[in-house]
Amino acid sequence: MIAEFSIVPFTGRESLSAHVAHIHRIVQESGLSFRLTPMGTIIEGQPRAVFDLIYTCHMEMKGHANRVFTRISIDDRGDDLNRMDKKIAAVQEKLND
């Protein structure tokens, strides 16, 4: 499973980079494959591990803000792993045709 998620705490501050860094440390420690992007984080792993990590990150942010908005987008294609790399390689291959 591949999931992209973003977590936005409603703190009244414009910059979120400190919050993103805090959550990114949790993602790094999870052992799942991940990519940090300008608009969110993409993670890949078994469904339970993916959902558990997103829940952990959401609840951690709730410790810093009373109101938190979490957006999740999921691409679930069975047990096929390393799809993040495969999907990018497939597009690059077509660009080179």
PDB file of N, CA and C in Angstrom:
ATOM      1  N   MET A   1       0.842  -1.175   0.000  1.00  0.00           N
ATOM      2  CA  MET A   1       0.000   0.000   0.000  1.00  0.00           C
ATOM      3  C   MET A   1       0.890   1.242   0.000  1.00  0.00           C
ATOM      4  N   ILE A   2       0.499   2.205  -0.797  1.00  0.00           N
ATOM      5  CA  ILE A   2       1.128   3.521  -0.787  1.00  0.00           C
ATOM      6  C   ILE A   2       0.088   4.505  -0.261  1.00  0.00           C
ATOM      7  N   ALA A   3       0.510   5.374   0.638  1.00  0.00           N
ATOM      8  CA  ALA A   3      -0.388   6.409   1.151  1.00  0.00           C
ATOM      9  C   ALA A   3       0.362   7.730   1.193  1.00  0.00           C
ATOM     10  N   GLU A   4      -0.330   8.778   0.807  1.00  0.00           N
ATOM     11  CA  GLU A   4       0.201  10.126   0.965  1.00  0.00           C
ATOM     12  C   GLU A   4      -0.639  10.796   2.043  1.00  0.00           C
ATOM     13  N   PHE A   5       0.032  11.453   2.983  1.00  0.00           N
ATOM     14  CA  PHE A   5      -0.720  12.136   4.021  1.00  0.00           C
ATOM     15  C   PHE A   5      -0.073  13.468   4.358  1.00  0.00           C
ATOM     16  N   SER A   6      -0.906  14.357   4.847  1.00  0.00           N
ATOM     17  CA  SER A   6      -0.423  15.625   5.381  1.00  0.00           C
ATOM     18  C   SER A   6      -1.224  15.913   6.638  1.00  0.00           C
ATOM     19  N   ILE A   7      -0.554  16.518   7.586  1.00  0.00           N
ATOM     20  CA  ILE A   7      -1.179  16.845   8.866  1.00  0.00           C
ATOM     21  C   ILE A   7      -0.977  18.334   9.110  1.00  0.00           C
ATOM     22  N   VAL A   8      -2.076  19.029   9.327  1.00  0.00           N
ATOM     23  CA  VAL A   8      -2.020  20.479   9.531  1.00  0.00           C
ATOM     24  C   VAL A   8      -2.612  20.810  10.896  1.00  0.00           C
ATOM     25  N   PRO A   9      -1.784  21.300  11.803  1.00  0.00           N
ATOM     26  CA  PRO A   9      -2.308  21.741  13.092  1.00  0.00           C
ATOM     27  C   PRO A   9      -2.824  23.170  12.981  1.00  0.00           C
ATOM     28  N   PHE A  10      -3.935  23.433  13.602  1.00  0.00           N
ATOM     29  CA  PHE A  10      -4.473  24.795  13.613  1.00  0.00           C
ATOM     30  C   PHE A  10      -3.900  25.497  14.849  1.00  0.00           C
ATOM     31  N   THR A  11      -2.784  26.198  14.618  1.00  0.00           N
ATOM     32  CA  THR A  11      -2.082  26.851  15.725  1.00  0.00           C
ATOM     33  C   THR A  11      -2.112  28.366  15.610  1.00  0.00           C
ATOM     34  N   GLY A  12      -2.581  28.885  14.490  1.00  0.00           N
ATOM     35  CA  GLY A  12      -2.574  30.327  14.276  1.00  0.00           C
ATOM     36  C   GLY A  12      -1.257  30.828  13.711  1.00  0.00           C
ATOM     37  N   ARG A  13      -0.311  29.916  13.469  1.00  0.00           N
ATOM     38  CA  ARG A  13       0.978  30.305  12.905  1.00  0.00           C
ATOM     39  C   ARG A  13       1.021  29.913  11.437  1.00  0.00           C
ATOM     40  N   GLU A  14       1.673  30.726  10.634  1.00  0.00           N
ATOM     41  CA  GLU A  14       1.743  30.471   9.199  1.00  0.00           C
ATOM     42  C   GLU A  14       2.722  29.353   8.861  1.00  0.00           C
ATOM     43  N   SER A  15       3.879  29.336   9.470  1.00  0.00           N
ATOM     44  CA  SER A  15       4.898  28.333   9.170  1.00  0.00           C
ATOM     45  C   SER A  15       4.595  27.024   9.885  1.00  0.00           C
ATOM     46  N   LEU A  16       4.723  25.923   9.157  1.00  0.00           N
ATOM     47  CA  LEU A  16       4.485  24.594   9.722  1.00  0.00           C
ATOM     48  C   LEU A  16       5.740  23.728   9.717  1.00  0.00           C
ATOM     49  N   SER A  17       6.878  24.259   9.294  1.00  0.00           N
ATOM     50  CA  SER A  17       8.070  23.434   9.103  1.00  0.00           C
ATOM     51  C   SER A  17       8.527  22.745  10.387  1.00  0.00           C
ATOM     52  N   ALA A  18       8.421  23.384  11.532  1.00  0.00           N
ATOM     53  CA  ALA A  18       8.823  22.729  12.786  1.00  0.00           C
ATOM     54  C   ALA A  18       7.923  21.536  13.081  1.00  0.00           C
ATOM     55  N   HIS A  19       6.621  21.680  12.803  1.00  0.00           N
ATOM     56  CA  HIS A  19       5.685  20.567  12.999  1.00  0.00           C
ATOM     57  C   HIS A  19       5.976  19.439  12.010  1.00  0.00           C
ATOM     58  N   VAL A  20       6.246  19.798  10.773  1.00  0.00           N
ATOM     59  CA  VAL A  20       6.568  18.794   9.753  1.00  0.00           C
ATOM     60  C   VAL A  20       7.819  18.026  10.161  1.00  0.00           C
ATOM     61  N   ALA A  21       8.837  18.727  10.617  1.00  0.00           N
ATOM     62  CA  ALA A  21      10.080  18.076  11.036  1.00  0.00           C
ATOM     63  C   ALA A  21       9.822  17.108  12.193  1.00  0.00           C
ATOM     64  N   HIS A  22       8.995  17.512  13.120  1.00  0.00           N
ATOM     65  CA  HIS A  22       8.673  16.659  14.272  1.00  0.00           C
ATOM     66  C   HIS A  22       8.014  15.352  13.798  1.00  0.00           C
ATOM     67  N   ILE A  23       7.043  15.467  12.925  1.00  0.00           N
ATOM     68  CA  ILE A  23       6.344  14.288  12.406  1.00  0.00           C
ATOM     69  C   ILE A  23       7.271  13.466  11.516  1.00  0.00           C
ATOM     70  N   HIS A  24       8.121  14.135  10.752  1.00  0.00           N
ATOM     71  CA  HIS A  24       9.040  13.429   9.853  1.00  0.00           C
ATOM     72  C   HIS A  24       9.989  12.517  10.648  1.00  0.00           C
ATOM     73  N   ARG A  25      10.377  12.929  11.839  1.00  0.00           N
ATOM     74  CA  ARG A  25      11.222  12.063  12.678  1.00  0.00           C
ATOM     75  C   ARG A  25      10.499  10.758  13.011  1.00  0.00           C
ATOM     76  N   ILE A  26       9.221  10.841  13.283  1.00  0.00           N
ATOM     77  CA  ILE A  26       8.425   9.645  13.576  1.00  0.00           C
ATOM     78  C   ILE A  26       8.377   8.741  12.346  1.00  0.00           C
ATOM     79  N   VAL A  27       8.189   9.342  11.178  1.00  0.00           N
ATOM     80  CA  VAL A  27       8.149   8.575   9.931  1.00  0.00           C
ATOM     81  C   VAL A  27       9.496   7.890   9.702  1.00  0.00           C
ATOM     82  N   GLN A  28      10.584   8.610   9.895  1.00  0.00           N
ATOM     83  CA  GLN A  28      11.920   8.033   9.708  1.00  0.00           C
ATOM     84  C   GLN A  28      12.135   6.828  10.619  1.00  0.00           C
ATOM     85  N   GLU A  29      11.677   6.925  11.847  1.00  0.00           N
ATOM     86  CA  GLU A  29      11.877   5.852  12.828  1.00  0.00           C
ATOM     87  C   GLU A  29      10.967   4.652  12.591  1.00  0.00           C
ATOM     88  N   SER A  30       9.969   4.794  11.726  1.00  0.00           N
ATOM     89  CA  SER A  30       8.988   3.723  11.503  1.00  0.00           C
ATOM     90  C   SER A  30       9.565   2.536  10.749  1.00  0.00           C
ATOM     91  N   GLY A  31      10.599   2.769   9.954  1.00  0.00           N
ATOM     92  CA  GLY A  31      11.152   1.701   9.130  1.00  0.00           C
ATOM     93  C   GLY A  31      10.452   1.538   7.794  1.00  0.00           C
ATOM     94  N   LEU A  32       9.366   2.284   7.562  1.00  0.00           N
ATOM     95  CA  LEU A  32       8.672   2.210   6.272  1.00  0.00           C
ATOM     96  C   LEU A  32       9.405   3.053   5.235  1.00  0.00           C
ATOM     97  N   SER A  33       9.244   2.684   3.973  1.00  0.00           N
ATOM     98  CA  SER A  33       9.764   3.514   2.885  1.00  0.00           C
ATOM     99  C   SER A  33       8.952   4.800   2.849  1.00  0.00           C
ATOM    100  N   PHE A  34       9.619   5.920   2.571  1.00  0.00           N
ATOM    101  CA  PHE A  34       8.902   7.192   2.565  1.00  0.00           C
ATOM    102  C   PHE A  34       9.571   8.189   1.636  1.00  0.00           C
ATOM    103  N   ARG A  35       8.805   9.196   1.263  1.00  0.00           N
ATOM    104  CA  ARG A  35       9.299  10.350   0.506  1.00  0.00           C
ATOM    105  C   ARG A  35       8.631  11.584   1.093  1.00  0.00           C
ATOM    106  N   LEU A  36       9.422  12.541   1.486  1.00  0.00           N
ATOM    107  CA  LEU A  36       8.903  13.835   1.923  1.00  0.00           C
ATOM    108  C   LEU A  36       8.736  14.690   0.679  1.00  0.00           C
ATOM    109  N   THR A  37       7.568  15.299   0.514  1.00  0.00           N
ATOM    110  CA  THR A  37       7.312  16.178  -0.629  1.00  0.00           C
ATOM    111  C   THR A  37       6.900  17.545  -0.093  1.00  0.00           C
ATOM    112  N   PRO A  38       6.842  18.555  -0.948  1.00  0.00           N
ATOM    113  CA  PRO A  38       6.434  19.875  -0.468  1.00  0.00           C
ATOM    114  C   PRO A  38       4.999  19.931   0.069  1.00  0.00           C
ATOM    115  N   MET A  39       4.171  18.967  -0.323  1.00  0.00           N
ATOM    116  CA  MET A  39       2.757  19.012   0.063  1.00  0.00           C
ATOM    117  C   MET A  39       2.336  17.877   0.988  1.00  0.00           C
ATOM    118  N   GLY A  40       3.262  17.003   1.368  1.00  0.00           N
ATOM    119  CA  GLY A  40       2.905  15.897   2.247  1.00  0.00           C
ATOM    120  C   GLY A  40       4.016  14.874   2.296  1.00  0.00           C
ATOM    121  N   THR A  41       3.694  13.726   2.860  1.00  0.00           N
ATOM    122  CA  THR A  41       4.641  12.623   2.958  1.00  0.00           C
ATOM    123  C   THR A  41       4.003  11.391   2.351  1.00  0.00           C
ATOM    124  N   ILE A  42       4.783  10.659   1.557  1.00  0.00           N
ATOM    125  CA  ILE A  42       4.322   9.419   0.952  1.00  0.00           C
ATOM    126  C   ILE A  42       5.017   8.278   1.682  1.00  0.00           C
ATOM    127  N   ILE A  43       4.233   7.287   2.105  1.00  0.00           N
ATOM    128  CA  ILE A  43       4.789   6.123   2.779  1.00  0.00           C
ATOM    129  C   ILE A  43       4.306   4.860   2.086  1.00  0.00           C
ATOM    130  N   GLU A  44       5.096   3.791   2.219  1.00  0.00           N
ATOM    131  CA  GLU A  44       4.724   2.522   1.602  1.00  0.00           C
ATOM    132  C   GLU A  44       4.989   1.389   2.579  1.00  0.00           C
ATOM    133  N   GLY A  45       4.047   0.468   2.656  1.00  0.00           N
ATOM    134  CA  GLY A  45       4.208  -0.697   3.520  1.00  0.00           C
ATOM    135  C   GLY A  45       2.932  -1.501   3.586  1.00  0.00           C
ATOM    136  N   GLN A  46       2.911  -2.454   4.483  1.00  0.00           N
ATOM    137  CA  GLN A  46       1.713  -3.260   4.686  1.00  0.00           C
ATOM    138  C   GLN A  46       0.609  -2.359   5.247  1.00  0.00           C
ATOM    139  N   PRO A  47      -0.645  -2.601   4.870  1.00  0.00           N
ATOM    140  CA  PRO A  47      -1.735  -1.708   5.273  1.00  0.00           C
ATOM    141  C   PRO A  47      -1.776  -1.383   6.760  1.00  0.00           C
ATOM    142  N   ARG A  48      -1.662  -2.365   7.628  1.00  0.00           N
ATOM    143  CA  ARG A  48      -1.752  -2.100   9.070  1.00  0.00           C
ATOM    144  C   ARG A  48      -0.631  -1.164   9.508  1.00  0.00           C
ATOM    145  N   ALA A  49       0.580  -1.376   9.002  1.00  0.00           N
ATOM    146  CA  ALA A  49       1.716  -0.523   9.378  1.00  0.00           C
ATOM    147  C   ALA A  49       1.514   0.905   8.881  1.00  0.00           C
ATOM    148  N   VAL A  50       0.966   1.051   7.674  1.00  0.00           N
ATOM    149  CA  VAL A  50       0.711   2.378   7.103  1.00  0.00           C
ATOM    150  C   VAL A  50      -0.335   3.116   7.939  1.00  0.00           C
ATOM    151  N   PHE A  51      -1.456   2.458   8.211  1.00  0.00           N
ATOM    152  CA  PHE A  51      -2.511   3.097   8.989  1.00  0.00           C
ATOM    153  C   PHE A  51      -2.046   3.421  10.409  1.00  0.00           C
ATOM    154  N   ASP A  52      -1.306   2.493  11.013  1.00  0.00           N
ATOM    155  CA  ASP A  52      -0.808   2.735  12.372  1.00  0.00           C
ATOM    156  C   ASP A  52       0.119   3.937  12.414  1.00  0.00           C
ATOM    157  N   LEU A  53       0.990   4.069  11.419  1.00  0.00           N
ATOM    158  CA  LEU A  53       1.910   5.204  11.396  1.00  0.00           C
ATOM    159  C   LEU A  53       1.160   6.519  11.237  1.00  0.00           C
ATOM    160  N   ILE A  54       0.199   6.561  10.328  1.00  0.00           N
ATOM    161  CA  ILE A  54      -0.563   7.798  10.137  1.00  0.00           C
ATOM    162  C   ILE A  54      -1.331   8.147  11.417  1.00  0.00           C
ATOM    163  N   TYR A  55      -1.924   7.147  12.063  1.00  0.00           N
ATOM    164  CA  TYR A  55      -2.628   7.384  13.322  1.00  0.00           C
ATOM    165  C   TYR A  55      -1.672   7.918  14.394  1.00  0.00           C
ATOM    166  N   THR A  56      -0.501   7.313  14.494  1.00  0.00           N
ATOM    167  CA  THR A  56       0.498   7.768  15.464  1.00  0.00           C
ATOM    168  C   THR A  56       0.874   9.220  15.209  1.00  0.00           C
ATOM    169  N   CYS A  57       1.113   9.564  13.953  1.00  0.00           N
ATOM    170  CA  CYS A  57       1.474  10.941  13.601  1.00  0.00           C
ATOM    171  C   CYS A  57       0.336  11.907  13.919  1.00  0.00           C
ATOM    172  N   HIS A  58      -0.881  11.515  13.588  1.00  0.00           N
ATOM    173  CA  HIS A  58      -2.040  12.363  13.876  1.00  0.00           C
ATOM    174  C   HIS A  58      -2.165  12.625  15.378  1.00  0.00           C
ATOM    175  N   MET A  59      -2.076  11.567  16.173  1.00  0.00           N
ATOM    176  CA  MET A  59      -2.226  11.715  17.615  1.00  0.00           C
ATOM    177  C   MET A  59      -1.067  12.503  18.227  1.00  0.00           C
ATOM    178  N   GLU A  60       0.123  12.354  17.673  1.00  0.00           N
ATOM    179  CA  GLU A  60       1.258  13.150  18.149  1.00  0.00           C
ATOM    180  C   GLU A  60       0.991  14.630  17.908  1.00  0.00           C
ATOM    181  N   MET A  61       0.461  14.956  16.733  1.00  0.00           N
ATOM    182  CA  MET A  61       0.160  16.357  16.433  1.00  0.00           C
ATOM    183  C   MET A  61      -0.960  16.874  17.331  1.00  0.00           C
ATOM    184  N   LYS A  62      -1.913  16.006  17.691  1.00  0.00           N
ATOM    185  CA  LYS A  62      -2.981  16.417  18.603  1.00  0.00           C
ATOM    186  C   LYS A  62      -2.414  16.849  19.951  1.00  0.00           C
ATOM    187  N   GLY A  63      -1.235  16.377  20.286  1.00  0.00           N
ATOM    188  CA  GLY A  63      -0.590  16.802  21.509  1.00  0.00           C
ATOM    189  C   GLY A  63      -0.041  18.219  21.430  1.00  0.00           C
ATOM    190  N   HIS A  64      -0.002  18.767  20.208  1.00  0.00           N
ATOM    191  CA  HIS A  64       0.538  20.116  19.999  1.00  0.00           C
ATOM    192  C   HIS A  64      -0.530  21.131  19.601  1.00  0.00           C
ATOM    193  N   ALA A  65      -1.690  20.644  19.193  1.00  0.00           N
ATOM    194  CA  ALA A  65      -2.766  21.543  18.765  1.00  0.00           C
ATOM    195  C   ALA A  65      -4.106  20.889  19.063  1.00  0.00           C
ATOM    196  N   ASN A  66      -5.048  21.673  19.518  1.00  0.00           N
ATOM    197  CA  ASN A  66      -6.370  21.145  19.832  1.00  0.00           C
ATOM    198  C   ASN A  66      -7.106  20.684  18.577  1.00  0.00           C
ATOM    199  N   ARG A  67      -6.871  21.390  17.461  1.00  0.00           N
ATOM    200  CA  ARG A  67      -7.540  21.049  16.202  1.00  0.00           C
ATOM    201  C   ARG A  67      -6.483  20.679  15.174  1.00  0.00           C
ATOM    202  N   VAL A  68      -6.658  19.507  14.543  1.00  0.00           N
ATOM    203  CA  VAL A  68      -5.702  18.995  13.568  1.00  0.00           C
ATOM    204  C   VAL A  68      -6.470  18.473  12.354  1.00  0.00           C
ATOM    205  N   PHE A  69      -6.004  18.845  11.165  1.00  0.00           N
ATOM    206  CA  PHE A  69      -6.599  18.363   9.912  1.00  0.00           C
ATOM    207  C   PHE A  69      -5.609  17.390   9.279  1.00  0.00           C
ATOM    208  N   THR A  70      -6.038  16.144   9.052  1.00  0.00           N
ATOM    209  CA  THR A  70      -5.198  15.133   8.420  1.00  0.00           C
ATOM    210  C   THR A  70      -5.861  14.681   7.132  1.00  0.00           C
ATOM    211  N   ARG A  71      -5.111  14.757   6.045  1.00  0.00           N
ATOM    212  CA  ARG A  71      -5.578  14.319   4.717  1.00  0.00           C
ATOM    213  C   ARG A  71      -4.807  13.069   4.344  1.00  0.00           C
ATOM    214  N   ILE A  72      -5.524  12.039   3.852  1.00  0.00           N
ATOM    215  CA  ILE A  72      -4.903  10.772   3.465  1.00  0.00           C
ATOM    216  C   ILE A  72      -5.403  10.380   2.083  1.00  0.00           C
ATOM    217  N   SER A  73      -4.476   9.983   1.225  1.00  0.00           N
ATOM    218  CA  SER A  73      -4.805   9.446  -0.086  1.00  0.00           C
ATOM    219  C   SER A  73      -4.114   8.086  -0.197  1.00  0.00           C
ATOM    220  N   ILE A  74      -4.863   7.046  -0.564  1.00  0.00           N
ATOM    221  CA  ILE A  74      -4.340   5.677  -0.534  1.00  0.00           C
ATOM    222  C   ILE A  74      -4.412   5.037  -1.918  1.00  0.00           C
ATOM    223  N   ASP A  75      -3.324   4.354  -2.292  1.00  0.00           N
ATOM    224  CA  ASP A  75      -3.267   3.512  -3.487  1.00  0.00           C
ATOM    225  C   ASP A  75      -2.947   2.102  -2.996  1.00  0.00           C
ATOM    226  N   ASP A  76      -3.943   1.237  -2.986  1.00  0.00           N
ATOM    227  CA  ASP A  76      -3.788  -0.118  -2.443  1.00  0.00           C
ATOM    228  C   ASP A  76      -3.863  -1.121  -3.578  1.00  0.00           C
ATOM    229  N   ARG A  77      -2.730  -1.709  -3.902  1.00  0.00           N
ATOM    230  CA  ARG A  77      -2.658  -2.665  -4.995  1.00  0.00           C
ATOM    231  C   ARG A  77      -2.109  -3.996  -4.483  1.00  0.00           C
ATOM    232  N   GLY A  78      -2.745  -4.535  -3.484  1.00  0.00           N
ATOM    233  CA  GLY A  78      -2.340  -5.835  -2.961  1.00  0.00           C
ATOM    234  C   GLY A  78      -0.971  -5.803  -2.312  1.00  0.00           C
ATOM    235  N   ASP A  79      -0.242  -6.894  -2.456  1.00  0.00           N
ATOM    236  CA  ASP A  79       1.049  -7.047  -1.784  1.00  0.00           C
ATOM    237  C   ASP A  79       2.237  -6.604  -2.626  1.00  0.00           C
ATOM    238  N   ASP A  80       2.014  -5.905  -3.714  1.00  0.00           N
ATOM    239  CA  ASP A  80       3.104  -5.445  -4.571  1.00  0.00           C
ATOM    240  C   ASP A  80       3.848  -4.315  -3.854  1.00  0.00           C
ATOM    241  N   LEU A  81       5.083  -4.578  -3.447  1.00  0.00           N
ATOM    242  CA  LEU A  81       5.868  -3.584  -2.725  1.00  0.00           C
ATOM    243  C   LEU A  81       6.845  -2.872  -3.658  1.00  0.00           C
ATOM    244  N   ASN A  82       7.475  -1.859  -3.150  1.00  0.00           N
ATOM    245  CA  ASN A  82       8.412  -1.011  -3.902  1.00  0.00           C
ATOM    246  C   ASN A  82       7.733  -0.320  -5.075  1.00  0.00           C
ATOM    247  N   ARG A  83       6.462  -0.049  -4.926  1.00  0.00           N
ATOM    248  CA  ARG A  83       5.708   0.579  -6.010  1.00  0.00           C
ATOM    249  C   ARG A  83       6.077   2.040  -6.194  1.00  0.00           C
ATOM    250  N   MET A  84       6.538   2.711  -5.136  1.00  0.00           N
ATOM    251  CA  MET A  84       6.934   4.113  -5.307  1.00  0.00           C
ATOM    252  C   MET A  84       7.995   4.207  -6.398  1.00  0.00           C
ATOM    253  N   ASP A  85       9.002   3.375  -6.292  1.00  0.00           N
ATOM    254  CA  ASP A  85      10.068   3.393  -7.289  1.00  0.00           C
ATOM    255  C   ASP A  85       9.579   2.888  -8.646  1.00  0.00           C
ATOM    256  N   LYS A  86       8.773   1.840  -8.647  1.00  0.00           N
ATOM    257  CA  LYS A  86       8.270   1.268  -9.902  1.00  0.00           C
ATOM    258  C   LYS A  86       7.398   2.266 -10.662  1.00  0.00           C
ATOM    259  N   LYS A  87       6.561   3.001  -9.943  1.00  0.00           N
ATOM    260  CA  LYS A  87       5.673   3.951 -10.614  1.00  0.00           C
ATOM    261  C   LYS A  87       6.475   5.077 -11.276  1.00  0.00           C
ATOM    262  N   ILE A  88       7.478   5.556 -10.589  1.00  0.00           N
ATOM    263  CA  ILE A  88       8.318   6.617 -11.160  1.00  0.00           C
ATOM    264  C   ILE A  88       9.100   6.083 -12.350  1.00  0.00           C
ATOM    265  N   ALA A  89       9.661   4.880 -12.225  1.00  0.00           N
ATOM    266  CA  ALA A  89      10.427   4.283 -13.315  1.00  0.00           C
ATOM    267  C   ALA A  89       9.551   4.064 -14.547  1.00  0.00           C
ATOM    268  N   ALA A  90       8.302   3.668 -14.357  1.00  0.00           N
ATOM    269  CA  ALA A  90       7.403   3.428 -15.492  1.00  0.00           C
ATOM    270  C   ALA A  90       7.144   4.725 -16.261  1.00  0.00           C
ATOM    271  N   VAL A  91       6.966   5.809 -15.549  1.00  0.00           N
ATOM    272  CA  VAL A  91       6.741   7.101 -16.223  1.00  0.00           C
ATOM    273  C   VAL A  91       8.013   7.562 -16.936  1.00  0.00           C
ATOM    274  N   GLN A  92       9.145   7.428 -16.265  1.00  0.00           N
ATOM    275  CA  GLN A  92      10.407   7.837 -16.884  1.00  0.00           C
ATOM    276  C   GLN A  92      10.703   7.027 -18.132  1.00  0.00           C
ATOM    277  N   GLU A  93      10.380   5.737 -18.111  1.00  0.00           N
ATOM    278  CA  GLU A  93      10.572   4.886 -19.282  1.00  0.00           C
ATOM    279  C   GLU A  93       9.729   5.379 -20.453  1.00  0.00           C
ATOM    280  N   LYS A  94       8.504   5.773 -20.184  1.00  0.00           N
ATOM    281  CA  LYS A  94       7.634   6.272 -21.252  1.00  0.00           C
ATOM    282  C   LYS A  94       8.098   7.627 -21.754  1.00  0.00           C
ATOM    283  N   LEU A  95       8.697   8.428 -20.891  1.00  0.00           N
ATOM    284  CA  LEU A  95       9.250   9.705 -21.326  1.00  0.00           C
ATOM    285  C   LEU A  95      10.428   9.520 -22.266  1.00  0.00           C
ATOM    286  N   ASN A  96      11.146   8.419 -22.087  1.00  0.00           N
ATOM    287  CA  ASN A  96      12.331   8.141 -22.911  1.00  0.00           C
ATOM    288  C   ASN A  96      11.986   7.451 -24.212  1.00  0.00           C
ATOM    289  N   ASP A  97      10.715   7.020 -24.390  1.00  0.00           N
ATOM    290  CA  ASP A  97      10.306   6.363 -25.652  1.00  0.00           C
ATOM    291  C   ASP A  97      10.226   7.352 -26.791  1.00  0.00           C
TER     292      ASP A  97
END
